């Protein structure tokens, strides 16, 4: 969704339009390098599950948010995890400064005073997470923000964030979007906890253990539609043995094969009830959800939900439903 394109705004109104767009949650003091007709900006937003993906490209500016501004916070606070895509950003948090270069990650809690911006043309991509859902205190986010590269999870999370931006519009309508948002939040939480503490400390060890499960589940959800998603492939991707894979998932009460079937069936159920996918044949939906055989998919679906895929689609369309009764037990 396009939020702002200053190329469509009269030059004399551009500074005010930029200010208005940036002040939607918290007021800010903003200074532009060029206050004339040279001010340009393009802001876009996508909503993926419980996340917001915000992309910005603009001419140089400096945004300053003080404690006084924070007293006027209008919405529930969020944490932004930003990757610089163009130019060099400059951030000041808690009296400390850092430069954010291309492909660097920057994390900011909305309840923290800050100065942020860049010189010349710059750009960034931010994944915005609800602070309450993230569950990481403001002081931990602040401490972690200057130590992100020290975390062994940094490159993993950076790669995951980049993946979200390959096609955010498609992710918005993907049935797995809520699960992807949950996995992303877990990864960000683990990164912050890991970065805020030394490697030997208990919170870091716990974060590393937790994130392996999160990584595995996030990987499974990203590749759910691929019928060759075998245990061997999943284990190799995470540099662990097949036995270790099963042990890690068993430790949190997950049977890999049954989990995959349930997730694929749930994705198919959502697609069948969706107006967006109404023109897709049953076999095409089965294939998109990782089933090799339409007949095998139909048997599994009926065993889980008590209706064939065709019956469920007809029922959902007639009733205007987007959800179905809870599934029965699905045996792997």
C-alpha atoms as a PDB file:
ATOM      1  CA  UNK A   1       0.000   0.000   0.000  1.00  0.00           C
ATOM      2  CA  UNK A   2       1.391   3.362  -0.995  1.00  0.00           C
ATOM      3  CA  UNK A   3       1.350   5.761   1.967  1.00  0.00           C
ATOM      4  CA  UNK A   4       3.125   8.751   0.466  1.00  0.00           C
ATOM      5  CA  UNK A   5       4.702   9.797  -2.805  1.00  0.00           C
ATOM      6  CA  UNK A   6       5.897  13.389  -2.668  1.00  0.00           C
ATOM      7  CA  UNK A   7       6.299  13.444  -6.442  1.00  0.00           C
ATOM      8  CA  UNK A   8       2.496  13.753  -6.548  1.00  0.00           C
ATOM      9  CA  UNK A   9       2.440  16.579  -3.976  1.00  0.00           C
ATOM     10  CA  UNK A  10       2.904  20.260  -4.903  1.00  0.00           C
ATOM     11  CA  UNK A  11       6.452  21.360  -3.980  1.00  0.00           C
ATOM     12  CA  UNK A  12       5.307  23.937  -1.415  1.00  0.00           C
ATOM     13  CA  UNK A  13       3.320  21.245   0.471  1.00  0.00           C
ATOM     14  CA  UNK A  14       5.974  18.529   0.578  1.00  0.00           C
ATOM     15  CA  UNK A  15       7.569  19.360   3.933  1.00  0.00           C
ATOM     16  CA  UNK A  16       4.176  19.403   5.655  1.00  0.00           C
ATOM     17  CA  UNK A  17       3.123  16.146   3.966  1.00  0.00           C
ATOM     18  CA  UNK A  18       6.336  14.452   5.091  1.00  0.00           C
ATOM     19  CA  UNK A  19       5.825  15.702   8.646  1.00  0.00           C
ATOM     20  CA  UNK A  20       2.232  14.501   8.728  1.00  0.00           C
ATOM     21  CA  UNK A  21       3.206  11.023   7.505  1.00  0.00           C
ATOM     22  CA  UNK A  22       5.942  10.657  10.129  1.00  0.00           C
ATOM     23  CA  UNK A  23       3.792  11.954  13.006  1.00  0.00           C
ATOM     24  CA  UNK A  24       1.021   9.337  12.847  1.00  0.00           C
ATOM     25  CA  UNK A  25       2.024   7.644  16.117  1.00  0.00           C
ATOM     26  CA  UNK A  26       4.400  10.066  17.850  1.00  0.00           C
ATOM     27  CA  UNK A  27       5.159  13.735  17.052  1.00  0.00           C
ATOM     28  CA  UNK A  28       8.691  14.479  15.865  1.00  0.00           C
ATOM     29  CA  UNK A  29      10.943  17.416  15.087  1.00  0.00           C
ATOM     30  CA  UNK A  30      12.073  17.010  11.466  1.00  0.00           C
ATOM     31  CA  UNK A  31      14.699  18.997   9.610  1.00  0.00           C
ATOM     32  CA  UNK A  32      15.280  18.495   5.871  1.00  0.00           C
ATOM     33  CA  UNK A  33      18.554  19.076   4.054  1.00  0.00           C
ATOM     34  CA  UNK A  34      16.569  20.754   1.281  1.00  0.00           C
ATOM     35  CA  UNK A  35      13.388  22.513   2.389  1.00  0.00           C
ATOM     36  CA  UNK A  36      12.470  23.549  -1.139  1.00  0.00           C
ATOM     37  CA  UNK A  37      11.073  21.614  -4.077  1.00  0.00           C
ATOM     38  CA  UNK A  38      13.942  19.099  -3.829  1.00  0.00           C
ATOM     39  CA  UNK A  39      12.319  17.235  -0.919  1.00  0.00           C
ATOM     40  CA  UNK A  40      11.279  13.796  -2.141  1.00  0.00           C
ATOM     41  CA  UNK A  41       9.965  10.702  -0.378  1.00  0.00           C
ATOM     42  CA  UNK A  42       8.106   7.493  -1.081  1.00  0.00           C
ATOM     43  CA  UNK A  43       6.649   5.435   1.803  1.00  0.00           C
ATOM     44  CA  UNK A  44       5.006   2.024   1.327  1.00  0.00           C
ATOM     45  CA  UNK A  45       3.378  -0.360   3.796  1.00  0.00           C
ATOM     46  CA  UNK A  46       2.418  -4.038   3.774  1.00  0.00           C
ATOM     47  CA  UNK A  47       0.704  -5.975   6.587  1.00  0.00           C
ATOM     48  CA  UNK A  48       1.859  -9.567   7.001  1.00  0.00           C
ATOM     49  CA  UNK A  49       0.092 -11.402   9.793  1.00  0.00           C
ATOM     50  CA  UNK A  50       0.706  -9.277  12.870  1.00  0.00           C
ATOM     51  CA  UNK A  51       3.653  -7.429  11.328  1.00  0.00           C
ATOM     52  CA  UNK A  52       3.907  -4.209   9.369  1.00  0.00           C
ATOM     53  CA  UNK A  53       6.544  -3.927   6.654  1.00  0.00           C
ATOM     54  CA  UNK A  54       7.411  -0.278   6.040  1.00  0.00           C
ATOM     55  CA  UNK A  55       9.661   0.796   3.178  1.00  0.00           C
ATOM     56  CA  UNK A  56      11.027   4.311   2.871  1.00  0.00           C
ATOM     57  CA  UNK A  57      13.142   6.162   0.338  1.00  0.00           C
ATOM     58  CA  UNK A  58      13.757   9.893   0.635  1.00  0.00           C
ATOM     59  CA  UNK A  59      16.092  12.794   0.393  1.00  0.00           C
ATOM     60  CA  UNK A  60      18.138  13.718   3.447  1.00  0.00           C
ATOM     61  CA  UNK A  61      16.430  14.481   6.748  1.00  0.00           C
ATOM     62  CA  UNK A  62      16.934  14.337  10.495  1.00  0.00           C
ATOM     63  CA  UNK A  63      14.125  13.200  12.790  1.00  0.00           C
ATOM     64  CA  UNK A  64      14.367  14.034  16.487  1.00  0.00           C
ATOM     65  CA  UNK A  65      12.032  12.479  19.081  1.00  0.00           C
ATOM     66  CA  UNK A  66      12.335  13.703  22.678  1.00  0.00           C
ATOM     67  CA  UNK A  67      10.872  12.545  25.999  1.00  0.00           C
ATOM     68  CA  UNK A  68       8.322  15.331  25.613  1.00  0.00           C
ATOM     69  CA  UNK A  69       7.242  13.892  22.273  1.00  0.00           C
ATOM     70  CA  UNK A  70       6.906  10.435  23.812  1.00  0.00           C
ATOM     71  CA  UNK A  71       4.341  11.708  26.285  1.00  0.00           C
ATOM     72  CA  UNK A  72       2.062  12.166  23.259  1.00  0.00           C
ATOM     73  CA  UNK A  73       2.384   8.554  22.075  1.00  0.00           C
ATOM     74  CA  UNK A  74      -1.006   7.818  20.535  1.00  0.00           C
ATOM     75  CA  UNK A  75      -0.891   4.091  19.776  1.00  0.00           C
ATOM     76  CA  UNK A  76       0.401   0.921  21.351  1.00  0.00           C
ATOM     77  CA  UNK A  77       4.226   1.086  21.180  1.00  0.00           C
ATOM     78  CA  UNK A  78       6.108  -0.910  18.580  1.00  0.00           C
ATOM     79  CA  UNK A  79       9.677  -2.025  17.949  1.00  0.00           C
ATOM     80  CA  UNK A  80      11.104  -1.416  14.485  1.00  0.00           C
ATOM     81  CA  UNK A  81      13.795  -3.677  13.065  1.00  0.00           C
ATOM     82  CA  UNK A  82      15.246  -1.719  10.172  1.00  0.00           C
ATOM     83  CA  UNK A  83      17.680  -2.696   7.439  1.00  0.00           C
ATOM     84  CA  UNK A  84      19.388   0.180   5.651  1.00  0.00           C
ATOM     85  CA  UNK A  85      19.037  -0.362   1.901  1.00  0.00           C
ATOM     86  CA  UNK A  86      20.466   2.860   0.501  1.00  0.00           C
ATOM     87  CA  UNK A  87      22.893   5.448   1.829  1.00  0.00           C
ATOM     88  CA  UNK A  88      24.161   5.640   5.402  1.00  0.00           C
ATOM     89  CA  UNK A  89      21.808   6.243   8.284  1.00  0.00           C
ATOM     90  CA  UNK A  90      22.722   7.939  11.535  1.00  0.00           C
ATOM     91  CA  UNK A  91      21.111   6.960  14.834  1.00  0.00           C
ATOM     92  CA  UNK A  92      21.451   8.401  18.330  1.00  0.00           C
ATOM     93  CA  UNK A  93      19.940   6.424  21.205  1.00  0.00           C
ATOM     94  CA  UNK A  94      20.534   6.891  24.900  1.00  0.00           C
ATOM     95  CA  UNK A  95      23.305   9.395  24.262  1.00  0.00           C
ATOM     96  CA  UNK A  96      25.214   6.996  21.983  1.00  0.00           C
ATOM     97  CA  UNK A  97      25.610   7.338  18.243  1.00  0.00           C
ATOM     98  CA  UNK A  98      26.058   4.837  15.458  1.00  0.00           C
ATOM     99  CA  UNK A  99      26.130   4.841  11.688  1.00  0.00           C
ATOM    100  CA  UNK A 100      23.881   2.398   9.861  1.00  0.00           C
ATOM    101  CA  UNK A 101      25.327   1.381   6.533  1.00  0.00           C
ATOM    102  CA  UNK A 102      23.833  -0.660   3.723  1.00  0.00           C
ATOM    103  CA  UNK A 103      22.542  -4.008   5.014  1.00  0.00           C
ATOM    104  CA  UNK A 104      23.132  -3.080   8.660  1.00  0.00           C
ATOM    105  CA  UNK A 105      20.318  -3.864  11.095  1.00  0.00           C
ATOM    106  CA  UNK A 106      19.054  -1.149  13.429  1.00  0.00           C
ATOM    107  CA  UNK A 107      16.534  -1.803  16.229  1.00  0.00           C
ATOM    108  CA  UNK A 108      14.544   0.980  17.913  1.00  0.00           C
ATOM    109  CA  UNK A 109      11.835   0.837  20.555  1.00  0.00           C
ATOM    110  CA  UNK A 110       9.134   3.434  19.957  1.00  0.00           C
ATOM    111  CA  UNK A 111       9.292   4.476  23.623  1.00  0.00           C
ATOM    112  CA  UNK A 112      12.961   5.483  23.282  1.00  0.00           C
ATOM    113  CA  UNK A 113      13.968   9.044  22.514  1.00  0.00           C
ATOM    114  CA  UNK A 114      16.117   9.124  19.414  1.00  0.00           C
ATOM    115  CA  UNK A 115      17.596  11.053  16.533  1.00  0.00           C
ATOM    116  CA  UNK A 116      17.460   9.301  13.176  1.00  0.00           C
ATOM    117  CA  UNK A 117      17.953  10.122   9.529  1.00  0.00           C
ATOM    118  CA  UNK A 118      20.426  10.237   6.674  1.00  0.00           C
ATOM    119  CA  UNK A 119      22.230  12.624   4.350  1.00  0.00           C
ATOM    120  CA  UNK A 120      21.543  12.605   0.644  1.00  0.00           C
ATOM    121  CA  UNK A 121      19.203  10.020  -0.809  1.00  0.00           C
ATOM    122  CA  UNK A 122      18.661   7.086   1.542  1.00  0.00           C
ATOM    123  CA  UNK A 123      16.355   4.164   2.003  1.00  0.00           C
ATOM    124  CA  UNK A 124      15.342   1.581   4.582  1.00  0.00           C
ATOM    125  CA  UNK A 125      13.065  -1.410   5.097  1.00  0.00           C
ATOM    126  CA  UNK A 126      11.555  -1.824   8.543  1.00  0.00           C
ATOM    127  CA  UNK A 127       9.739  -4.765  10.075  1.00  0.00           C
ATOM    128  CA  UNK A 128       7.486  -3.314  12.785  1.00  0.00           C
ATOM    129  CA  UNK A 129       6.556  -5.582  15.713  1.00  0.00           C
ATOM    130  CA  UNK A 130       4.078  -4.903  18.510  1.00  0.00           C
ATOM    131  CA  UNK A 131       6.201  -4.225  21.616  1.00  0.00           C
ATOM    132  CA  UNK A 132       3.863  -6.065  23.970  1.00  0.00           C
ATOM    133  CA  UNK A 133       3.885  -9.135  21.764  1.00  0.00           C
ATOM    134  CA  UNK A 134       7.664  -8.985  21.521  1.00  0.00           C
ATOM    135  CA  UNK A 135       7.922  -8.849  25.307  1.00  0.00           C
ATOM    136  CA  UNK A 136      11.414  -7.312  25.523  1.00  0.00           C
ATOM    137  CA  UNK A 137      11.823  -4.354  27.951  1.00  0.00           C
ATOM    138  CA  UNK A 138      12.849  -0.967  26.596  1.00  0.00           C
ATOM    139  CA  UNK A 139      16.225  -1.053  28.374  1.00  0.00           C
ATOM    140  CA  UNK A 140      17.070  -4.471  26.902  1.00  0.00           C
ATOM    141  CA  UNK A 141      16.194  -3.271  23.390  1.00  0.00           C
ATOM    142  CA  UNK A 142      18.378  -0.199  23.930  1.00  0.00           C
ATOM    143  CA  UNK A 143      21.318  -2.250  25.225  1.00  0.00           C
ATOM    144  CA  UNK A 144      20.998  -4.769  22.401  1.00  0.00           C
ATOM    145  CA  UNK A 145      20.771  -2.125  19.675  1.00  0.00           C
ATOM    146  CA  UNK A 146      24.485  -1.353  19.936  1.00  0.00           C
ATOM    147  CA  UNK A 147      25.552  -5.014  20.193  1.00  0.00           C
ATOM    148  CA  UNK A 148      23.628  -6.712  17.404  1.00  0.00           C
ATOM    149  CA  UNK A 149      26.742  -7.841  15.502  1.00  0.00           C
ATOM    150  CA  UNK A 150      27.996  -9.564  18.664  1.00  0.00           C
ATOM    151  CA  UNK A 151      25.076 -11.969  18.593  1.00  0.00           C
ATOM    152  CA  UNK A 152      25.600 -15.309  16.802  1.00  0.00           C
ATOM    153  CA  UNK A 153      22.036 -14.880  15.549  1.00  0.00           C
ATOM    154  CA  UNK A 154      22.708 -11.619  13.690  1.00  0.00           C
ATOM    155  CA  UNK A 155      23.332 -13.069  10.227  1.00  0.00           C
ATOM    156  CA  UNK A 156      20.472 -15.536  10.581  1.00  0.00           C
ATOM    157  CA  UNK A 157      17.975 -12.818  11.462  1.00  0.00           C
ATOM    158  CA  UNK A 158      19.330 -10.509   8.766  1.00  0.00           C
ATOM    159  CA  UNK A 159      18.804 -13.244   6.177  1.00  0.00           C
ATOM    160  CA  UNK A 160      15.279 -13.838   7.442  1.00  0.00           C
ATOM    161  CA  UNK A 161      14.447 -10.120   7.262  1.00  0.00           C
ATOM    162  CA  UNK A 162      15.748  -9.897   3.712  1.00  0.00           C
ATOM    163  CA  UNK A 163      13.562 -12.834   2.760  1.00  0.00           C
ATOM    164  CA  UNK A 164      10.462 -10.978   3.908  1.00  0.00           C
ATOM    165  CA  UNK A 165      11.124  -8.299   1.314  1.00  0.00           C
ATOM    166  CA  UNK A 166      11.356 -10.574  -1.726  1.00  0.00           C
ATOM    167  CA  UNK A 167       7.620 -10.238  -2.345  1.00  0.00           C
ATOM    168  CA  UNK A 168       5.785  -8.607   0.584  1.00  0.00           C
ATOM    169  CA  UNK A 169       2.569  -8.159  -1.420  1.00  0.00           C
ATOM    170  CA  UNK A 170       2.317 -11.912  -1.888  1.00  0.00           C
ATOM    171  CA  UNK A 171       3.024 -12.537   1.785  1.00  0.00           C
ATOM    172  CA  UNK A 172       0.093 -10.300   2.735  1.00  0.00           C
ATOM    173  CA  UNK A 173      -2.394 -12.785   1.263  1.00  0.00           C
ATOM    174  CA  UNK A 174      -0.511 -15.985   2.050  1.00  0.00           C
ATOM    175  CA  UNK A 175      -2.417 -18.271   4.444  1.00  0.00           C
ATOM    176  CA  UNK A 176       0.789 -18.786   6.405  1.00  0.00           C
ATOM    177  CA  UNK A 177       1.223 -15.051   7.125  1.00  0.00           C
ATOM    178  CA  UNK A 178       0.187 -15.232  10.820  1.00  0.00           C
ATOM    179  CA  UNK A 179       2.606 -18.105  11.433  1.00  0.00           C
ATOM    180  CA  UNK A 180       5.370 -16.232   9.596  1.00  0.00           C
ATOM    181  CA  UNK A 181       4.724 -13.148  11.743  1.00  0.00           C
ATOM    182  CA  UNK A 182       4.957 -15.252  14.896  1.00  0.00           C
ATOM    183  CA  UNK A 183       8.218 -16.862  13.786  1.00  0.00           C
ATOM    184  CA  UNK A 184       9.684 -13.468  12.869  1.00  0.00           C
ATOM    185  CA  UNK A 185       8.771 -12.060  16.278  1.00  0.00           C
ATOM    186  CA  UNK A 186      10.425 -15.037  17.978  1.00  0.00           C
ATOM    187  CA  UNK A 187      13.611 -14.554  15.955  1.00  0.00           C
ATOM    188  CA  UNK A 188      13.768 -10.837  16.741  1.00  0.00           C
ATOM    189  CA  UNK A 189      13.215 -11.555  20.430  1.00  0.00           C
ATOM    190  CA  UNK A 190      16.028 -14.118  20.445  1.00  0.00           C
ATOM    191  CA  UNK A 191      18.376 -11.693  18.651  1.00  0.00           C
ATOM    192  CA  UNK A 192      17.724  -8.932  21.176  1.00  0.00           C
ATOM    193  CA  UNK A 193      18.129 -11.179  24.214  1.00  0.00           C
ATOM    194  CA  UNK A 194      21.290 -12.691  22.762  1.00  0.00           C
ATOM    195  CA  UNK A 195      22.791  -9.303  21.845  1.00  0.00           C
ATOM    196  CA  UNK A 196      21.979  -7.754  25.218  1.00  0.00           C
ATOM    197  CA  UNK A 197      23.853 -10.460  27.188  1.00  0.00           C
ATOM    198  CA  UNK A 198      27.245 -12.126  26.972  1.00  0.00           C
ATOM    199  CA  UNK A 199      27.487 -15.504  25.247  1.00  0.00           C
ATOM    200  CA  UNK A 200      27.907 -17.480  28.474  1.00  0.00           C
ATOM    201  CA  UNK A 201      24.955 -15.948  30.285  1.00  0.00           C
ATOM    202  CA  UNK A 202      21.823 -18.006  30.850  1.00  0.00           C
ATOM    203  CA  UNK A 203      19.462 -15.738  28.813  1.00  0.00           C
ATOM    204  CA  UNK A 204      21.722 -16.124  25.778  1.00  0.00           C
ATOM    205  CA  UNK A 205      21.940 -19.900  26.117  1.00  0.00           C
ATOM    206  CA  UNK A 206      18.158 -20.106  26.471  1.00  0.00           C
ATOM    207  CA  UNK A 207      17.669 -17.842  23.442  1.00  0.00           C
ATOM    208  CA  UNK A 208      19.964 -20.027  21.333  1.00  0.00           C
ATOM    209  CA  UNK A 209      18.051 -23.165  22.309  1.00  0.00           C
ATOM    210  CA  UNK A 210      14.682 -21.555  21.670  1.00  0.00           C
ATOM    211  CA  UNK A 211      15.688 -20.093  18.360  1.00  0.00           C
ATOM    212  CA  UNK A 212      16.624 -23.476  16.878  1.00  0.00           C
ATOM    213  CA  UNK A 213      12.998 -24.574  17.160  1.00  0.00           C
ATOM    214  CA  UNK A 214      11.877 -21.187  15.814  1.00  0.00           C
ATOM    215  CA  UNK A 215      14.309 -21.452  12.911  1.00  0.00           C
ATOM    216  CA  UNK A 216      13.134 -24.936  12.046  1.00  0.00           C
ATOM    217  CA  UNK A 217       9.448 -24.012  12.169  1.00  0.00           C
ATOM    218  CA  UNK A 218      10.050 -20.806  10.192  1.00  0.00           C
ATOM    219  CA  UNK A 219      11.909 -22.829   7.548  1.00  0.00           C
ATOM    220  CA  UNK A 220       9.124 -25.397   7.389  1.00  0.00           C
ATOM    221  CA  UNK A 221       6.497 -22.687   6.947  1.00  0.00           C
ATOM    222  CA  UNK A 222       8.477 -20.949   4.207  1.00  0.00           C
ATOM    223  CA  UNK A 223       8.768 -24.209   2.256  1.00  0.00           C
ATOM    224  CA  UNK A 224       5.419 -25.750   3.187  1.00  0.00           C
ATOM    225  CA  UNK A 225       4.272 -25.875  -0.441  1.00  0.00           C
ATOM    226  CA  UNK A 226       7.264 -28.005  -1.508  1.00  0.00           C
ATOM    227  CA  UNK A 227       6.501 -31.711  -1.590  1.00  0.00           C
ATOM    228  CA  UNK A 228      10.194 -32.653  -1.214  1.00  0.00           C
ATOM    229  CA  UNK A 229      10.408 -31.086   2.259  1.00  0.00           C
ATOM    230  CA  UNK A 230      11.971 -34.185   3.816  1.00  0.00           C
ATOM    231  CA  UNK A 231      13.425 -34.588   7.336  1.00  0.00           C
ATOM    232  CA  UNK A 232      16.865 -35.071   5.756  1.00  0.00           C
ATOM    233  CA  UNK A 233      16.583 -31.767   3.908  1.00  0.00           C
ATOM    234  CA  UNK A 234      15.393 -29.894   7.010  1.00  0.00           C
ATOM    235  CA  UNK A 235      18.168 -31.350   9.172  1.00  0.00           C
ATOM    236  CA  UNK A 236      20.855 -30.542   6.602  1.00  0.00           C
ATOM    237  CA  UNK A 237      19.609 -26.962   6.288  1.00  0.00           C
ATOM    238  CA  UNK A 238      20.137 -26.458  10.030  1.00  0.00           C
ATOM    239  CA  UNK A 239      23.435 -28.374  10.245  1.00  0.00           C
ATOM    240  CA  UNK A 240      22.047 -30.999  12.607  1.00  0.00           C
ATOM    241  CA  UNK A 241      21.440 -34.729  12.322  1.00  0.00           C
ATOM    242  CA  UNK A 242      18.038 -36.198  11.577  1.00  0.00           C
ATOM    243  CA  UNK A 243      18.013 -37.680  15.077  1.00  0.00           C
ATOM    244  CA  UNK A 244      18.755 -34.256  16.577  1.00  0.00           C
ATOM    245  CA  UNK A 245      15.956 -32.743  14.468  1.00  0.00           C
ATOM    246  CA  UNK A 246      13.423 -35.200  15.821  1.00  0.00           C
ATOM    247  CA  UNK A 247      14.696 -34.753  19.387  1.00  0.00           C
ATOM    248  CA  UNK A 248      14.479 -30.942  19.245  1.00  0.00           C
ATOM    249  CA  UNK A 249      10.916 -31.005  17.933  1.00  0.00           C
ATOM    250  CA  UNK A 250       9.863 -33.786  20.287  1.00  0.00           C
ATOM    251  CA  UNK A 251      11.113 -31.642  23.157  1.00  0.00           C
ATOM    252  CA  UNK A 252       8.372 -29.108  22.393  1.00  0.00           C
ATOM    253  CA  UNK A 253       5.732 -31.725  21.671  1.00  0.00           C
ATOM    254  CA  UNK A 254       5.927 -31.698  17.865  1.00  0.00           C
ATOM    255  CA  UNK A 255       5.848 -34.709  15.542  1.00  0.00           C
ATOM    256  CA  UNK A 256       7.404 -33.478  12.290  1.00  0.00           C
ATOM    257  CA  UNK A 257       5.298 -35.518   9.863  1.00  0.00           C
ATOM    258  CA  UNK A 258       2.017 -34.837  11.661  1.00  0.00           C
ATOM    259  CA  UNK A 259       2.849 -31.148  12.035  1.00  0.00           C
ATOM    260  CA  UNK A 260       3.486 -30.846   8.290  1.00  0.00           C
ATOM    261  CA  UNK A 261       0.210 -32.545   7.410  1.00  0.00           C
ATOM    262  CA  UNK A 262      -1.792 -30.388   9.814  1.00  0.00           C
ATOM    263  CA  UNK A 263      -0.179 -27.162   8.605  1.00  0.00           C
ATOM    264  CA  UNK A 264      -0.710 -28.083   4.951  1.00  0.00           C
ATOM    265  CA  UNK A 265      -4.318 -29.001   5.577  1.00  0.00           C
ATOM    266  CA  UNK A 266      -4.899 -25.772   7.456  1.00  0.00           C
ATOM    267  CA  UNK A 267      -3.358 -23.769   4.596  1.00  0.00           C
ATOM    268  CA  UNK A 268      -5.540 -25.626   2.091  1.00  0.00           C
ATOM    269  CA  UNK A 269      -8.658 -25.083   4.190  1.00  0.00           C
ATOM    270  CA  UNK A 270      -7.978 -21.341   4.238  1.00  0.00           C
ATOM    271  CA  UNK A 271      -7.344 -21.200   0.485  1.00  0.00           C
ATOM    272  CA  UNK A 272     -10.512 -23.155  -0.288  1.00  0.00           C
ATOM    273  CA  UNK A 273     -12.596 -20.645   1.679  1.00  0.00           C
ATOM    274  CA  UNK A 274     -10.839 -17.625   0.193  1.00  0.00           C
ATOM    275  CA  UNK A 275     -12.414 -15.583  -2.572  1.00  0.00           C
ATOM    276  CA  UNK A 276      -8.894 -14.852  -3.827  1.00  0.00           C
ATOM    277  CA  UNK A 277      -8.345 -18.539  -4.674  1.00  0.00           C
ATOM    278  CA  UNK A 278     -11.893 -19.340  -5.814  1.00  0.00           C
ATOM    279  CA  UNK A 279     -10.786 -19.962  -9.383  1.00  0.00           C
ATOM    280  CA  UNK A 280      -8.136 -22.533  -8.427  1.00  0.00           C
ATOM    281  CA  UNK A 281      -8.947 -26.189  -8.967  1.00  0.00           C
ATOM    282  CA  UNK A 282      -8.845 -28.539  -5.976  1.00  0.00           C
ATOM    283  CA  UNK A 283      -5.792 -30.266  -7.422  1.00  0.00           C
ATOM    284  CA  UNK A 284      -3.969 -26.955  -7.830  1.00  0.00           C
ATOM    285  CA  UNK A 285      -4.631 -26.043  -4.198  1.00  0.00           C
ATOM    286  CA  UNK A 286      -3.430 -29.488  -3.098  1.00  0.00           C
ATOM    287  CA  UNK A 287      -0.215 -28.969  -5.074  1.00  0.00           C
ATOM    288  CA  UNK A 288       0.323 -25.453  -3.691  1.00  0.00           C
ATOM    289  CA  UNK A 289       0.005 -26.844  -0.183  1.00  0.00           C
ATOM    290  CA  UNK A 290       2.627 -29.545  -0.707  1.00  0.00           C
ATOM    291  CA  UNK A 291       0.492 -32.601  -1.545  1.00  0.00           C
ATOM    292  CA  UNK A 292       1.709 -34.790  -4.414  1.00  0.00           C
ATOM    293  CA  UNK A 293      -1.662 -36.372  -5.023  1.00  0.00           C
ATOM    294  CA  UNK A 294      -5.090 -34.740  -5.157  1.00  0.00           C
ATOM    295  CA  UNK A 295      -6.751 -37.986  -4.080  1.00  0.00           C
ATOM    296  CA  UNK A 296      -4.407 -38.341  -1.106  1.00  0.00           C
ATOM    297  CA  UNK A 297      -5.136 -34.722  -0.192  1.00  0.00           C
ATOM    298  CA  UNK A 298      -8.899 -35.330  -0.399  1.00  0.00           C
ATOM    299  CA  UNK A 299      -8.676 -38.368   1.915  1.00  0.00           C
ATOM    300  CA  UNK A 300      -6.581 -36.459   4.446  1.00  0.00           C
ATOM    301  CA  UNK A 301      -8.853 -33.419   4.309  1.00  0.00           C
ATOM    302  CA  UNK A 302     -12.025 -35.431   4.830  1.00  0.00           C
ATOM    303  CA  UNK A 303     -10.459 -37.369   7.713  1.00  0.00           C
ATOM    304  CA  UNK A 304      -9.479 -34.110   9.404  1.00  0.00           C
ATOM    305  CA  UNK A 305     -12.562 -31.972   8.812  1.00  0.00           C
ATOM    306  CA  UNK A 306     -15.412 -34.366   8.027  1.00  0.00           C
ATOM    307  CA  UNK A 307     -15.994 -32.810   4.597  1.00  0.00           C
ATOM    308  CA  UNK A 308     -14.331 -33.267   1.225  1.00  0.00           C
ATOM    309  CA  UNK A 309     -12.425 -30.204  -0.076  1.00  0.00           C
ATOM    310  CA  UNK A 310     -15.188 -29.577  -2.607  1.00  0.00           C
ATOM    311  CA  UNK A 311     -17.910 -29.812   0.062  1.00  0.00           C
ATOM    312  CA  UNK A 312     -16.008 -27.477   2.380  1.00  0.00           C
ATOM    313  CA  UNK A 313     -15.467 -24.924  -0.397  1.00  0.00           C
ATOM    314  CA  UNK A 314     -19.175 -24.971  -1.276  1.00  0.00           C
ATOM    315  CA  UNK A 315     -20.196 -24.712   2.375  1.00  0.00           C
ATOM    316  CA  UNK A 316     -17.765 -21.848   3.054  1.00  0.00           C
ATOM    317  CA  UNK A 317     -18.943 -19.894   0.006  1.00  0.00           C
ATOM    318  CA  UNK A 318     -22.619 -20.341   0.863  1.00  0.00           C
ATOM    319  CA  UNK A 319     -22.130 -19.296   4.484  1.00  0.00           C
ATOM    320  CA  UNK A 320     -19.514 -16.615   3.837  1.00  0.00           C
ATOM    321  CA  UNK A 321     -17.099 -18.424   6.152  1.00  0.00           C
ATOM    322  CA  UNK A 322     -13.335 -18.108   6.345  1.00  0.00           C
ATOM    323  CA  UNK A 323     -12.807 -20.687   9.109  1.00  0.00           C
ATOM    324  CA  UNK A 324     -14.063 -24.188   9.717  1.00  0.00           C
ATOM    325  CA  UNK A 325     -14.796 -26.325  12.761  1.00  0.00           C
ATOM    326  CA  UNK A 326     -11.735 -27.532  14.633  1.00  0.00           C
ATOM    327  CA  UNK A 327     -10.141 -30.511  12.852  1.00  0.00           C
ATOM    328  CA  UNK A 328     -10.111 -33.953  14.238  1.00  0.00           C
ATOM    329  CA  UNK A 329      -6.925 -35.774  15.065  1.00  0.00           C
ATOM    330  CA  UNK A 330      -4.767 -36.266  11.995  1.00  0.00           C
ATOM    331  CA  UNK A 331      -2.555 -39.311  12.020  1.00  0.00           C
ATOM    332  CA  UNK A 332       0.786 -39.136  10.273  1.00  0.00           C
END
